[in-house]
C-alpha cells in the first residue's frame, strides 16, 4: 500500500503533518503580531474618542459652573427679600451640598458600571485563534 510516487502511505501522512506543523509554527507568531496590532489600533481609537469627549465635558463643566454661580446668586438675592441675607445664603448653600451629595452618589455608580476600555474585538479574535489551533470551532 503506497501513496503517490511509491512512498509508503504513513510516510506521506507524516510529511504532510510535518509540513502543517512547520506552517503553523511560522504563521502563529505573525497571527499573534497582527492581533496585537489590532488591539493597539482599537485602544488608540477609543483613547482619541475619550480625549475629545473629556475636553468637551471640561468646557461644558466650566460653562455650567458660571451659570450655576449666577443662579446661586439669584437664589440668594431672591431669598434675601424674605429672610435675612445670611440665612438666605445658608439655605442655598445647604441645598447645594445636598445636590452635590446626590450627584456624587450617581456619578460613582455610573463609573462602577462603565466597562473597561479593553480591545474587545482583538481579544475575541485571539480567543477564536486559540480555539482553532486547539481544534475547537472554525470561524
Protein backbone atom coordinates (compact mmCIF):
# COMPACT_ATOMS: atom_id res chain seq x y z
CA UNK A 1 0.00 0.00 0.00
CA UNK A 2 1.83 3.05 -1.21
CA UNK A 3 0.79 6.57 -1.98
CA UNK A 4 1.92 8.57 -4.99
CA UNK A 5 5.45 8.05 -6.30
CA UNK A 6 5.79 4.78 -4.48
CA UNK A 7 6.19 6.24 -0.97
CA UNK A 8 4.51 4.38 1.87
CA UNK A 9 1.20 5.90 2.97
CA UNK A 10 2.34 6.53 6.58
CA UNK A 11 5.44 8.39 5.34
CA UNK A 12 3.27 10.66 3.16
CA UNK A 13 0.94 11.38 6.08
CA UNK A 14 3.84 12.20 8.42
CA UNK A 15 5.38 14.50 5.81
CA UNK A 16 2.05 16.26 5.42
CA UNK A 17 1.68 16.55 9.19
CA UNK A 18 5.25 17.82 9.45
CA UNK A 19 4.57 20.42 6.77
CA UNK A 20 1.43 21.51 8.59
CA UNK A 21 3.29 21.83 11.89
CA UNK A 22 6.05 23.80 10.14
CA UNK A 23 3.49 26.14 8.56
CA UNK A 24 1.73 26.53 11.90
CA UNK A 25 4.95 27.46 13.71
CA UNK A 26 5.65 30.09 11.06
CA UNK A 27 2.12 31.54 10.91
CA UNK A 28 1.22 31.66 14.62
CA UNK A 29 3.76 34.42 15.51
CA UNK A 30 2.53 36.56 12.60
CA UNK A 31 -1.07 35.93 13.63
CA UNK A 32 -0.26 37.00 17.20
CA UNK A 33 1.54 40.12 15.94
CA UNK A 34 -1.44 41.07 13.78
CA UNK A 35 -3.84 40.58 16.72
CA UNK A 36 -1.58 42.79 18.87
CA UNK A 37 -1.57 45.47 16.15
CA UNK A 38 -5.38 45.29 16.03
CA UNK A 39 -5.56 45.65 19.81
CA UNK A 40 -3.22 48.67 19.74
CA UNK A 41 -5.24 50.36 16.99
CA UNK A 42 -8.50 49.68 18.80
CA UNK A 43 -7.21 51.09 22.11
CA UNK A 44 -5.76 54.16 20.34
CA UNK A 45 -9.07 54.82 18.60
CA UNK A 46 -11.00 54.53 21.87
CA UNK A 47 -8.45 56.78 23.58
CA UNK A 48 -8.86 59.52 20.95
CA UNK A 49 -12.63 59.41 21.30
CA UNK A 50 -12.37 59.56 25.07
CA UNK A 51 -9.94 62.51 24.89
CA UNK A 52 -12.26 64.57 22.71
CA UNK A 53 -15.20 63.70 24.94
CA UNK A 54 -13.29 64.66 28.09
CA UNK A 55 -12.34 68.00 26.52
CA UNK A 56 -15.94 68.76 25.64
CA UNK A 57 -17.06 67.77 29.14
CA UNK A 58 -14.46 70.16 30.57
CA UNK A 59 -15.82 73.08 28.52
CA UNK A 60 -19.39 72.15 29.44
CA UNK A 61 -18.43 71.91 33.10
CA UNK A 62 -16.80 75.33 33.12
CA UNK A 63 -19.81 76.97 31.46
CA UNK A 64 -22.18 75.15 33.78
CA UNK A 65 -20.14 76.36 36.76
CA UNK A 66 -20.55 80.00 35.69
CA UNK A 67 -24.27 79.50 35.07
CA UNK A 68 -24.70 77.82 38.43
CA UNK A 69 -22.86 80.68 40.16
CA UNK A 70 -25.30 83.14 38.57
CA UNK A 71 -28.28 81.02 39.61
CA UNK A 72 -26.97 80.66 43.16
CA UNK A 73 -26.53 84.42 43.41
CA UNK A 74 -30.05 84.93 42.04
CA UNK A 75 -31.48 82.44 44.56
CA UNK A 76 -29.69 84.11 47.47
CA UNK A 77 -30.84 87.60 46.40
CA UNK A 78 -34.43 86.40 45.91
CA UNK A 79 -34.50 84.60 49.25
CA UNK A 80 -32.93 87.64 50.95
CA UNK A 81 -36.14 89.53 50.14
CA UNK A 82 -37.98 87.19 52.54
CA UNK A 83 -35.37 86.41 55.24
CA UNK A 84 -32.06 87.87 56.39
CA UNK A 85 -29.27 87.71 53.79
CA UNK A 86 -27.07 85.38 55.90
CA UNK A 87 -29.98 82.94 56.31
CA UNK A 88 -30.73 83.05 52.59
CA UNK A 89 -27.08 82.22 51.82
CA UNK A 90 -27.12 79.36 54.35
CA UNK A 91 -30.30 77.82 52.92
CA UNK A 92 -28.94 77.95 49.36
CA UNK A 93 -25.57 76.51 50.50
CA UNK A 94 -27.30 73.56 52.22
CA UNK A 95 -29.35 72.90 49.09
CA UNK A 96 -26.15 72.87 47.03
CA UNK A 97 -24.47 70.44 49.45
CA UNK A 98 -27.45 68.08 49.15
CA UNK A 99 -27.38 68.31 45.34
CA UNK A 100 -23.61 67.64 45.35
CA UNK A 101 -24.11 64.54 47.50
CA UNK A 102 -26.75 63.15 45.14
CA UNK A 103 -24.57 63.88 42.09
CA UNK A 104 -21.60 62.20 43.75
CA UNK A 105 -23.53 59.02 44.51
CA UNK A 106 -24.99 58.83 40.99
CA UNK A 107 -21.59 59.56 39.43
CA UNK A 108 -19.89 56.88 41.48
CA UNK A 109 -22.45 54.27 40.42
CA UNK A 110 -22.07 55.26 36.74
CA UNK A 111 -18.28 54.93 36.92
CA UNK A 112 -18.66 51.49 38.50
CA UNK A 113 -20.98 50.41 35.66
CA UNK A 114 -18.61 51.57 32.93
CA UNK A 115 -16.91 48.80 31.01
CA UNK A 116 -13.10 48.87 30.91
CA UNK A 117 -11.65 50.19 27.65
CA UNK A 118 -10.40 46.77 26.59
CA UNK A 119 -9.76 45.87 22.94
CA UNK A 120 -12.80 43.59 22.76
CA UNK A 121 -12.57 42.63 19.07
CA UNK A 122 -8.89 41.74 19.35
CA UNK A 123 -9.48 39.67 22.49
CA UNK A 124 -12.31 37.81 20.76
CA UNK A 125 -10.09 37.23 17.72
CA UNK A 126 -7.33 35.76 19.90
CA UNK A 127 -9.85 33.50 21.65
CA UNK A 128 -11.08 32.26 18.25
CA UNK A 129 -7.49 31.70 17.08
CA UNK A 130 -6.68 29.67 20.18
CA UNK A 131 -9.87 27.63 19.77
CA UNK A 132 -9.00 26.98 16.12
CA UNK A 133 -5.44 25.89 16.96
CA UNK A 134 -6.79 23.59 19.67
CA UNK A 135 -9.18 22.08 17.17
CA UNK A 136 -12.29 23.79 18.53
CA UNK A 137 -14.63 25.64 16.24
CA UNK A 138 -13.62 27.19 12.91
CA UNK A 139 -14.77 30.76 12.16
